[in-house]
mmCIF file of all heavy atoms, coordinates in Angstrom:
data_MODEL
# 
_entry.id   MODEL 
# 
loop_
_atom_site.group_PDB 
_atom_site.id 
_atom_site.type_symbol 
_atom_site.label_atom_id 
_atom_site.label_alt_id 
_atom_site.label_comp_id 
_atom_site.label_asym_id 
_atom_site.label_entity_id 
_atom_site.label_seq_id 
_atom_site.pdbx_PDB_ins_code 
_atom_site.Cartn_x 
_atom_site.Cartn_y 
_atom_site.Cartn_z 
_atom_site.occupancy 
_atom_site.B_iso_or_equiv 
_atom_site.pdbx_formal_charge 
_atom_site.auth_seq_id 
_atom_site.auth_comp_id 
_atom_site.auth_asym_id 
_atom_site.auth_atom_id 
_atom_site.pdbx_PDB_model_num 
ATOM 1   N N   . ARG A 1 1  ? -11.657 -130.837 40.372 1.00 0.00 ? 1  ARG A N   1 
ATOM 2   C CA  . ARG A 1 1  ? -12.243 -131.984 41.062 1.00 0.00 ? 1  ARG A CA  1 
ATOM 3   C C   . ARG A 1 1  ? -13.590 -131.613 41.696 1.00 0.00 ? 1  ARG A C   1 
ATOM 4   O O   . ARG A 1 1  ? -13.676 -130.653 42.477 1.00 0.00 ? 1  ARG A O   1 
ATOM 5   C CB  . ARG A 1 1  ? -11.305 -132.482 42.158 1.00 0.00 ? 1  ARG A CB  1 
ATOM 6   C CG  . ARG A 1 1  ? -9.952  -132.978 41.659 1.00 0.00 ? 1  ARG A CG  1 
ATOM 7   C CD  . ARG A 1 1  ? -10.072 -134.327 41.006 1.00 0.00 ? 1  ARG A CD  1 
ATOM 8   N NE  . ARG A 1 1  ? -8.768  -134.868 40.613 1.00 0.00 ? 1  ARG A NE  1 
ATOM 9   C CZ  . ARG A 1 1  ? -8.629  -135.941 39.844 1.00 0.00 ? 1  ARG A CZ  1 
ATOM 10  N NH1 . ARG A 1 1  ? -9.707  -136.576 39.397 1.00 0.00 ? 1  ARG A NH1 1 
ATOM 11  N NH2 . ARG A 1 1  ? -7.430  -136.375 39.524 1.00 0.00 ? 1  ARG A NH2 1 
ATOM 12  N N   . TRP A 1 2  ? -14.619 -132.381 41.365 1.00 0.00 ? 2  TRP A N   1 
ATOM 13  C CA  . TRP A 1 2  ? -15.946 -132.126 41.926 1.00 0.00 ? 2  TRP A CA  1 
ATOM 14  C C   . TRP A 1 2  ? -15.932 -132.250 43.449 1.00 0.00 ? 2  TRP A C   1 
ATOM 15  O O   . TRP A 1 2  ? -16.602 -131.479 44.144 1.00 0.00 ? 2  TRP A O   1 
ATOM 16  C CB  . TRP A 1 2  ? -16.949 -133.111 41.326 1.00 0.00 ? 2  TRP A CB  1 
ATOM 17  C CG  . TRP A 1 2  ? -18.370 -132.865 41.713 1.00 0.00 ? 2  TRP A CG  1 
ATOM 18  C CD1 . TRP A 1 2  ? -19.144 -133.622 42.552 1.00 0.00 ? 2  TRP A CD1 1 
ATOM 19  C CD2 . TRP A 1 2  ? -19.224 -131.800 41.279 1.00 0.00 ? 2  TRP A CD2 1 
ATOM 20  N NE1 . TRP A 1 2  ? -20.416 -133.097 42.658 1.00 0.00 ? 2  TRP A NE1 1 
ATOM 21  C CE2 . TRP A 1 2  ? -20.498 -131.980 41.882 1.00 0.00 ? 2  TRP A CE2 1 
ATOM 22  C CE3 . TRP A 1 2  ? -19.040 -130.710 40.422 1.00 0.00 ? 2  TRP A CE3 1 
ATOM 23  C CZ2 . TRP A 1 2  ? -21.562 -131.110 41.654 1.00 0.00 ? 2  TRP A CZ2 1 
ATOM 24  C CZ3 . TRP A 1 2  ? -20.110 -129.846 40.193 1.00 0.00 ? 2  TRP A CZ3 1 
ATOM 25  C CH2 . TRP A 1 2  ? -21.348 -130.047 40.819 1.00 0.00 ? 2  TRP A CH2 1 
ATOM 26  N N   . ASN A 1 3  ? -15.147 -133.197 43.970 1.00 0.00 ? 3  ASN A N   1 
ATOM 27  C CA  . ASN A 1 3  ? -15.131 -133.373 45.432 1.00 0.00 ? 3  ASN A CA  1 
ATOM 28  C C   . ASN A 1 3  ? -14.427 -132.235 46.160 1.00 0.00 ? 3  ASN A C   1 
ATOM 29  O O   . ASN A 1 3  ? -14.432 -132.181 47.386 1.00 0.00 ? 3  ASN A O   1 
ATOM 30  C CB  . ASN A 1 3  ? -14.531 -134.734 45.819 1.00 0.00 ? 3  ASN A CB  1 
ATOM 31  C CG  . ASN A 1 3  ? -13.095 -134.918 45.382 1.00 0.00 ? 3  ASN A CG  1 
ATOM 32  O OD1 . ASN A 1 3  ? -12.413 -133.960 45.006 1.00 0.00 ? 3  ASN A OD1 1 
ATOM 33  N ND2 . ASN A 1 3  ? -12.609 -136.154 45.434 1.00 0.00 ? 3  ASN A ND2 1 
ATOM 34  N N   . ARG A 1 4  ? -13.804 -131.335 45.406 1.00 0.00 ? 4  ARG A N   1 
ATOM 35  C CA  . ARG A 1 4  ? -13.263 -130.105 46.002 1.00 0.00 ? 4  ARG A CA  1 
ATOM 36  C C   . ARG A 1 4  ? -14.192 -128.914 45.741 1.00 0.00 ? 4  ARG A C   1 
ATOM 37  O O   . ARG A 1 4  ? -14.304 -128.009 46.573 1.00 0.00 ? 4  ARG A O   1 
ATOM 38  C CB  . ARG A 1 4  ? -11.873 -129.812 45.452 1.00 0.00 ? 4  ARG A CB  1 
ATOM 39  C CG  . ARG A 1 4  ? -10.838 -130.878 45.793 1.00 0.00 ? 4  ARG A CG  1 
ATOM 40  C CD  . ARG A 1 4  ? -9.483  -130.573 45.183 1.00 0.00 ? 4  ARG A CD  1 
ATOM 41  N NE  . ARG A 1 4  ? -8.549  -131.679 45.337 1.00 0.00 ? 4  ARG A NE  1 
ATOM 42  C CZ  . ARG A 1 4  ? -7.376  -131.757 44.759 1.00 0.00 ? 4  ARG A CZ  1 
ATOM 43  N NH1 . ARG A 1 4  ? -6.970  -130.766 43.955 1.00 0.00 ? 4  ARG A NH1 1 
ATOM 44  N NH2 . ARG A 1 4  ? -6.588  -132.798 44.945 1.00 0.00 ? 4  ARG A NH2 1 
ATOM 45  N N   . LEU A 1 5  ? -14.817 -128.910 44.569 1.00 0.00 ? 5  LEU A N   1 
ATOM 46  C CA  . LEU A 1 5  ? -15.720 -127.808 44.228 1.00 0.00 ? 5  LEU A CA  1 
ATOM 47  C C   . LEU A 1 5  ? -16.952 -127.788 45.132 1.00 0.00 ? 5  LEU A C   1 
ATOM 48  O O   . LEU A 1 5  ? -17.361 -126.731 45.625 1.00 0.00 ? 5  LEU A O   1 
ATOM 49  C CB  . LEU A 1 5  ? -16.172 -127.923 42.774 1.00 0.00 ? 5  LEU A CB  1 
ATOM 50  C CG  . LEU A 1 5  ? -15.144 -127.744 41.672 1.00 0.00 ? 5  LEU A CG  1 
ATOM 51  C CD1 . LEU A 1 5  ? -15.792 -127.944 40.305 1.00 0.00 ? 5  LEU A CD1 1 
ATOM 52  C CD2 . LEU A 1 5  ? -14.514 -126.361 41.747 1.00 0.00 ? 5  LEU A CD2 1 
ATOM 53  N N   . LEU A 1 6  ? -17.562 -128.969 45.330 1.00 0.00 ? 6  LEU A N   1 
ATOM 54  C CA  . LEU A 1 6  ? -18.834 -129.018 46.042 1.00 0.00 ? 6  LEU A CA  1 
ATOM 55  C C   . LEU A 1 6  ? -18.727 -128.539 47.486 1.00 0.00 ? 6  LEU A C   1 
ATOM 56  O O   . LEU A 1 6  ? -19.570 -127.754 47.948 1.00 0.00 ? 6  LEU A O   1 
ATOM 57  C CB  . LEU A 1 6  ? -19.423 -130.428 45.960 1.00 0.00 ? 6  LEU A CB  1 
ATOM 58  C CG  . LEU A 1 6  ? -20.854 -130.589 46.457 1.00 0.00 ? 6  LEU A CG  1 
ATOM 59  C CD1 . LEU A 1 6  ? -21.800 -129.636 45.715 1.00 0.00 ? 6  LEU A CD1 1 
ATOM 60  C CD2 . LEU A 1 6  ? -21.319 -132.036 46.292 1.00 0.00 ? 6  LEU A CD2 1 
ATOM 61  N N   . PRO A 1 7  ? -17.701 -128.941 48.259 1.00 0.00 ? 7  PRO A N   1 
ATOM 62  C CA  . PRO A 1 7  ? -17.603 -128.412 49.626 1.00 0.00 ? 7  PRO A CA  1 
ATOM 63  C C   . PRO A 1 7  ? -17.425 -126.890 49.664 1.00 0.00 ? 7  PRO A C   1 
ATOM 64  O O   . PRO A 1 7  ? -17.962 -126.217 50.563 1.00 0.00 ? 7  PRO A O   1 
ATOM 65  C CB  . PRO A 1 7  ? -16.362 -129.125 50.187 1.00 0.00 ? 7  PRO A CB  1 
ATOM 66  C CG  . PRO A 1 7  ? -16.255 -130.380 49.407 1.00 0.00 ? 7  PRO A CG  1 
ATOM 67  C CD  . PRO A 1 7  ? -16.698 -130.019 48.029 1.00 0.00 ? 7  PRO A CD  1 
ATOM 68  N N   . MET A 1 8  ? -16.691 -126.335 48.705 1.00 0.00 ? 8  MET A N   1 
ATOM 69  C CA  . MET A 1 8  ? -16.535 -124.877 48.687 1.00 0.00 ? 8  MET A CA  1 
ATOM 70  C C   . MET A 1 8  ? -17.844 -124.187 48.309 1.00 0.00 ? 8  MET A C   1 
ATOM 71  O O   . MET A 1 8  ? -18.175 -123.121 48.854 1.00 0.00 ? 8  MET A O   1 
ATOM 72  C CB  . MET A 1 8  ? -15.412 -124.485 47.728 1.00 0.00 ? 8  MET A CB  1 
ATOM 73  C CG  . MET A 1 8  ? -14.031 -124.826 48.248 1.00 0.00 ? 8  MET A CG  1 
ATOM 74  S SD  . MET A 1 8  ? -12.687 -124.212 47.205 1.00 0.00 ? 8  MET A SD  1 
ATOM 75  C CE  . MET A 1 8  ? -12.781 -125.355 45.829 1.00 0.00 ? 8  MET A CE  1 
ATOM 76  N N   . ALA A 1 9  ? -18.608 -124.794 47.385 1.00 0.00 ? 9  ALA A N   1 
ATOM 77  C CA  . ALA A 1 9  ? -19.914 -124.237 47.049 1.00 0.00 ? 9  ALA A CA  1 
ATOM 78  C C   . ALA A 1 9  ? -20.846 -124.288 48.263 1.00 0.00 ? 9  ALA A C   1 
ATOM 79  O O   . ALA A 1 9  ? -21.640 -123.366 48.494 1.00 0.00 ? 9  ALA A O   1 
ATOM 80  C CB  . ALA A 1 9  ? -20.524 -124.995 45.873 1.00 0.00 ? 9  ALA A CB  1 
ATOM 81  N N   . THR A 1 10 ? -20.739 -125.367 49.057 1.00 0.00 ? 10 THR A N   1 
ATOM 82  C CA  . THR A 1 10 ? -21.548 -125.487 50.270 1.00 0.00 ? 10 THR A CA  1 
ATOM 83  C C   . THR A 1 10 ? -21.203 -124.378 51.268 1.00 0.00 ? 10 THR A C   1 
ATOM 84  O O   . THR A 1 10 ? -22.085 -123.767 51.880 1.00 0.00 ? 10 THR A O   1 
ATOM 85  C CB  . THR A 1 10 ? -21.338 -126.873 50.902 1.00 0.00 ? 10 THR A CB  1 
ATOM 86  O OG1 . THR A 1 10 ? -21.674 -127.884 49.951 1.00 0.00 ? 10 THR A OG1 1 
ATOM 87  C CG2 . THR A 1 10 ? -22.195 -127.039 52.146 1.00 0.00 ? 10 THR A CG2 1 
ATOM 88  N N   . LYS A 1 11 ? -19.912 -124.093 51.425 1.00 0.00 ? 11 LYS A N   1 
ATOM 89  C CA  . LYS A 1 11 ? -19.497 -122.994 52.305 1.00 0.00 ? 11 LYS A CA  1 
ATOM 90  C C   . LYS A 1 11 ? -20.030 -121.664 51.782 1.00 0.00 ? 11 LYS A C   1 
ATOM 91  O O   . LYS A 1 11 ? -20.489 -120.811 52.564 1.00 0.00 ? 11 LYS A O   1 
ATOM 92  C CB  . LYS A 1 11 ? -17.975 -122.945 52.402 1.00 0.00 ? 11 LYS A CB  1 
ATOM 93  C CG  . LYS A 1 11 ? -17.358 -124.096 53.170 1.00 0.00 ? 11 LYS A CG  1 
ATOM 94  C CD  . LYS A 1 11 ? -15.838 -123.976 53.202 1.00 0.00 ? 11 LYS A CD  1 
ATOM 95  C CE  . LYS A 1 11 ? -15.205 -125.159 53.917 1.00 0.00 ? 11 LYS A CE  1 
ATOM 96  N NZ  . LYS A 1 11 ? -13.725 -125.085 53.911 1.00 0.00 ? 11 LYS A NZ  1 
ATOM 97  N N   . ALA A 1 12 ? -19.976 -121.474 50.460 1.00 0.00 ? 12 ALA A N   1 
ATOM 98  C CA  . ALA A 1 12 ? -20.513 -120.240 49.882 1.00 0.00 ? 12 ALA A CA  1 
ATOM 99  C C   . ALA A 1 12 ? -22.002 -120.127 50.162 1.00 0.00 ? 12 ALA A C   1 
ATOM 100 O O   . ALA A 1 12 ? -22.525 -119.022 50.379 1.00 0.00 ? 12 ALA A O   1 
ATOM 101 C CB  . ALA A 1 12 ? -20.249 -120.204 48.384 1.00 0.00 ? 12 ALA A CB  1 
ATOM 102 N N   . GLY A 1 13 ? -22.713 -121.275 50.183 1.00 0.00 ? 13 GLY A N   1 
ATOM 103 C CA  . GLY A 1 13 ? -24.140 -121.256 50.493 1.00 0.00 ? 13 GLY A CA  1 
ATOM 104 C C   . GLY A 1 13 ? -24.431 -120.715 51.873 1.00 0.00 ? 13 GLY A C   1 
ATOM 105 O O   . GLY A 1 13 ? -25.473 -120.095 52.106 1.00 0.00 ? 13 GLY A O   1 
ATOM 106 N N   . ALA A 1 14 ? -23.501 -120.941 52.817 1.00 0.00 ? 14 ALA A N   1 
ATOM 107 C CA  . ALA A 1 14 ? -23.682 -120.441 54.181 1.00 0.00 ? 14 ALA A CA  1 
ATOM 108 C C   . ALA A 1 14 ? -23.238 -118.992 54.335 1.00 0.00 ? 14 ALA A C   1 
ATOM 109 O O   . ALA A 1 14 ? -23.732 -118.276 55.215 1.00 0.00 ? 14 ALA A O   1 
ATOM 110 C CB  . ALA A 1 14 ? -22.901 -121.323 55.156 1.00 0.00 ? 14 ALA A CB  1 
ATOM 111 N N   . LEU A 1 15 ? -22.319 -118.538 53.465 1.00 0.00 ? 15 LEU A N   1 
ATOM 112 C CA  . LEU A 1 15 ? -21.714 -117.225 53.652 1.00 0.00 ? 15 LEU A CA  1 
ATOM 113 C C   . LEU A 1 15 ? -22.197 -116.162 52.681 1.00 0.00 ? 15 LEU A C   1 
ATOM 114 O O   . LEU A 1 15 ? -22.145 -114.966 52.994 1.00 0.00 ? 15 LEU A O   1 
ATOM 115 C CB  . LEU A 1 15 ? -20.180 -117.348 53.501 1.00 0.00 ? 15 LEU A CB  1 
ATOM 116 C CG  . LEU A 1 15 ? -19.471 -118.238 54.512 1.00 0.00 ? 15 LEU A CG  1 
ATOM 117 C CD1 . LEU A 1 15 ? -18.016 -118.413 54.104 1.00 0.00 ? 15 LEU A CD1 1 
ATOM 118 C CD2 . LEU A 1 15 ? -19.586 -117.646 55.904 1.00 0.00 ? 15 LEU A CD2 1 
ATOM 119 N N   . VAL A 1 16 ? -22.655 -116.575 51.498 1.00 0.00 ? 16 VAL A N   1 
ATOM 120 C CA  . VAL A 1 16 ? -22.939 -115.626 50.427 1.00 0.00 ? 16 VAL A CA  1 
ATOM 121 C C   . VAL A 1 16 ? -24.431 -115.645 50.100 1.00 0.00 ? 16 VAL A C   1 
ATOM 122 O O   . VAL A 1 16 ? -24.964 -116.681 49.683 1.00 0.00 ? 16 VAL A O   1 
ATOM 123 C CB  . VAL A 1 16 ? -22.128 -115.970 49.159 1.00 0.00 ? 16 VAL A CB  1 
ATOM 124 C CG1 . VAL A 1 16 ? -22.419 -114.977 48.048 1.00 0.00 ? 16 VAL A CG1 1 
ATOM 125 C CG2 . VAL A 1 16 ? -20.641 -116.021 49.480 1.00 0.00 ? 16 VAL A CG2 1 
ATOM 126 N N   . PRO A 1 17 ? -25.135 -114.531 50.293 1.00 0.00 ? 17 PRO A N   1 
ATOM 127 C CA  . PRO A 1 17 ? -26.560 -114.507 49.974 1.00 0.00 ? 17 PRO A CA  1 
ATOM 128 C C   . PRO A 1 17 ? -26.798 -114.486 48.465 1.00 0.00 ? 17 PRO A C   1 
ATOM 129 O O   . PRO A 1 17 ? -25.946 -114.065 47.687 1.00 0.00 ? 17 PRO A O   1 
ATOM 130 C CB  . PRO A 1 17 ? -27.051 -113.213 50.627 1.00 0.00 ? 17 PRO A CB  1 
ATOM 131 C CG  . PRO A 1 17 ? -25.838 -112.342 50.650 1.00 0.00 ? 17 PRO A CG  1 
ATOM 132 C CD  . PRO A 1 17 ? -24.665 -113.252 50.850 1.00 0.00 ? 17 PRO A CD  1 
ATOM 133 N N   . VAL A 1 18 ? -27.955 -114.978 48.066 1.00 0.00 ? 18 VAL A N   1 
ATOM 134 C CA  . VAL A 1 18 ? -28.394 -114.858 46.676 1.00 0.00 ? 18 VAL A CA  1 
ATOM 135 C C   . VAL A 1 18 ? -29.334 -113.667 46.613 1.00 0.00 ? 18 VAL A C   1 
ATOM 136 O O   . VAL A 1 18 ? -30.292 -113.584 47.366 1.00 0.00 ? 18 VAL A O   1 
ATOM 137 C CB  . VAL A 1 18 ? -29.116 -116.135 46.203 1.00 0.00 ? 18 VAL A CB  1 
ATOM 138 C CG1 . VAL A 1 18 ? -29.805 -115.899 44.871 1.00 0.00 ? 18 VAL A CG1 1 
ATOM 139 C CG2 . VAL A 1 18 ? -28.120 -117.269 46.051 1.00 0.00 ? 18 VAL A CG2 1 
ATOM 140 N N   . GLY A 1 19 ? -29.062 -112.740 45.724 1.00 0.00 ? 19 GLY A N   1 
ATOM 141 C CA  . GLY A 1 19 ? -29.904 -111.561 45.602 1.00 0.00 ? 19 GLY A CA  1 
ATOM 142 C C   . GLY A 1 19 ? -29.259 -110.575 44.674 1.00 0.00 ? 19 GLY A C   1 
ATOM 143 O O   . GLY A 1 19 ? -28.266 -110.863 44.016 1.00 0.00 ? 19 GLY A O   1 
ATOM 144 N N   . ARG A 1 20 ? -29.848 -109.398 44.596 1.00 0.00 ? 20 ARG A N   1 
ATOM 145 C CA  . ARG A 1 20 ? -29.320 -108.381 43.706 1.00 0.00 ? 20 ARG A CA  1 
ATOM 146 C C   . ARG A 1 20 ? -27.889 -108.008 44.091 1.00 0.00 ? 20 ARG A C   1 
ATOM 147 O O   . ARG A 1 20 ? -27.549 -107.905 45.266 1.00 0.00 ? 20 ARG A O   1 
ATOM 148 C CB  . ARG A 1 20 ? -30.210 -107.126 43.755 1.00 0.00 ? 20 ARG A CB  1 
ATOM 149 C CG  . ARG A 1 20 ? -31.591 -107.361 43.199 1.00 0.00 ? 20 ARG A CG  1 
ATOM 150 C CD  . ARG A 1 20 ? -31.522 -107.962 41.798 1.00 0.00 ? 20 ARG A CD  1 
ATOM 151 N NE  . ARG A 1 20 ? -32.834 -108.139 41.220 1.00 0.00 ? 20 ARG A NE  1 
ATOM 152 C CZ  . ARG A 1 20 ? -33.117 -108.972 40.238 1.00 0.00 ? 20 ARG A CZ  1 
ATOM 153 N NH1 . ARG A 1 20 ? -32.168 -109.743 39.724 1.00 0.00 ? 20 ARG A NH1 1 
ATOM 154 N NH2 . ARG A 1 20 ? -34.320 -109.064 39.749 1.00 0.00 ? 20 ARG A NH2 1 
ATOM 155 N N   . GLY A 1 21 ? -27.080 -107.845 43.081 1.00 0.00 ? 21 GLY A N   1 
ATOM 156 C CA  . GLY A 1 21 ? -25.662 -107.601 43.283 1.00 0.00 ? 21 GLY A CA  1 
ATOM 157 C C   . GLY A 1 21 ? -24.899 -108.773 42.700 1.00 0.00 ? 21 GLY A C   1 
ATOM 158 O O   . GLY A 1 21 ? -24.392 -108.714 41.594 1.00 0.00 ? 21 GLY A O   1 
ATOM 159 N N   . GLY A 1 22 ? -24.868 -109.880 43.454 1.00 0.00 ? 22 GLY A N   1 
ATOM 160 C CA  . GLY A 1 22 ? -24.230 -111.083 42.932 1.00 0.00 ? 22 GLY A CA  1 
ATOM 161 C C   . GLY A 1 22 ? -25.119 -111.843 41.971 1.00 0.00 ? 22 GLY A C   1 
ATOM 162 O O   . GLY A 1 22 ? -24.639 -112.564 41.113 1.00 0.00 ? 22 GLY A O   1 
ATOM 163 N N   . GLU A 1 23 ? -26.440 -111.713 42.145 1.00 0.00 ? 23 GLU A N   1 
ATOM 164 C CA  . GLU A 1 23 ? -27.434 -112.345 41.278 1.00 0.00 ? 23 GLU A CA  1 
ATOM 165 C C   . GLU A 1 23 ? -27.474 -113.856 41.430 1.00 0.00 ? 23 GLU A C   1 
ATOM 166 O O   . GLU A 1 23 ? -28.526 -114.440 41.604 1.00 0.00 ? 23 GLU A O   1 
ATOM 167 C CB  . GLU A 1 23 ? -27.194 -111.996 39.798 1.00 0.00 ? 23 GLU A CB  1 
ATOM 168 C CG  . GLU A 1 23 ? -27.633 -110.625 39.397 1.00 0.00 ? 23 GLU A CG  1 
ATOM 169 C CD  . GLU A 1 23 ? -29.142 -110.446 39.514 1.00 0.00 ? 23 GLU A CD  1 
ATOM 170 O OE1 . GLU A 1 23 ? -29.888 -111.015 38.705 1.00 0.00 ? 23 GLU A OE1 1 
ATOM 171 O OE2 . GLU A 1 23 ? -29.569 -109.713 40.422 1.00 0.00 ? 23 GLU A OE2 1 
ATOM 172 N N   . ARG A 1 24 ? -26.345 -114.516 41.326 1.00 0.00 ? 24 ARG A N   1 
ATOM 173 C CA  . ARG A 1 24 ? -26.283 -115.968 41.377 1.00 0.00 ? 24 ARG A CA  1 
ATOM 174 C C   . ARG A 1 24 ? -25.116 -116.375 42.279 1.00 0.00 ? 24 ARG A C   1 
ATOM 175 O O   . ARG A 1 24 ? -24.081 -115.721 42.320 1.00 0.00 ? 24 ARG A O   1 
ATOM 176 C CB  . ARG A 1 24 ? -26.038 -116.565 39.982 1.00 0.00 ? 24 ARG A CB  1 
ATOM 177 C CG  . ARG A 1 24 ? -27.134 -116.272 38.966 1.00 0.00 ? 24 ARG A CG  1 
ATOM 178 C CD  . ARG A 1 24 ? -28.376 -117.103 39.253 1.00 0.00 ? 24 ARG A CD  1 
ATOM 179 N NE  . ARG A 1 24 ? -29.369 -116.976 38.184 1.00 0.00 ? 24 ARG A NE  1 
ATOM 180 C CZ  . ARG A 1 24 ? -30.390 -116.120 38.199 1.00 0.00 ? 24 ARG A CZ  1 
ATOM 181 N NH1 . ARG A 1 24 ? -30.518 -115.282 39.219 1.00 0.00 ? 24 ARG A NH1 1 
ATOM 182 N NH2 . ARG A 1 24 ? -31.270 -116.107 37.219 1.00 0.00 ? 24 ARG A NH2 1 
ATOM 183 N N   . ARG A 1 25 ? -25.285 -117.479 42.977 1.00 0.00 ? 25 ARG A N   1 
ATOM 184 C CA  . ARG A 1 25 ? -24.171 -118.040 43.741 1.00 0.00 ? 25 ARG A CA  1 
ATOM 185 C C   . ARG A 1 25 ? -23.444 -119.008 42.804 1.00 0.00 ? 25 ARG A C   1 
ATOM 186 O O   . ARG A 1 25 ? -23.507 -120.227 42.942 1.00 0.00 ? 25 ARG A O   1 
ATOM 187 C CB  . ARG A 1 25 ? -24.686 -118.740 44.992 1.00 0.00 ? 25 ARG A CB  1 
ATOM 188 C CG  . ARG A 1 25 ? -23.593 -119.052 46.010 1.00 0.00 ? 25 ARG A CG  1 
ATOM 189 C CD  . ARG A 1 25 ? -24.126 -119.800 47.206 1.00 0.00 ? 25 ARG A CD  1 
ATOM 190 N NE  . ARG A 1 25 ? -24.993 -118.978 48.046 1.00 0.00 ? 25 ARG A NE  1 
ATOM 191 C CZ  . ARG A 1 25 ? -26.298 -119.135 48.156 1.00 0.00 ? 25 ARG A CZ  1 
ATOM 192 N NH1 . ARG A 1 25 ? -26.931 -120.072 47.458 1.00 0.00 ? 25 ARG A NH1 1 
ATOM 193 N NH2 . ARG A 1 25 ? -27.008 -118.345 48.947 1.00 0.00 ? 25 ARG A NH2 1 
# 
């Protein structure tokens, strides 16, 4: 469900940096 995926992606945006290592969120 998109309405479940998007809020979790938003939380990841606050907690998980984009950069070397993970490369992509």
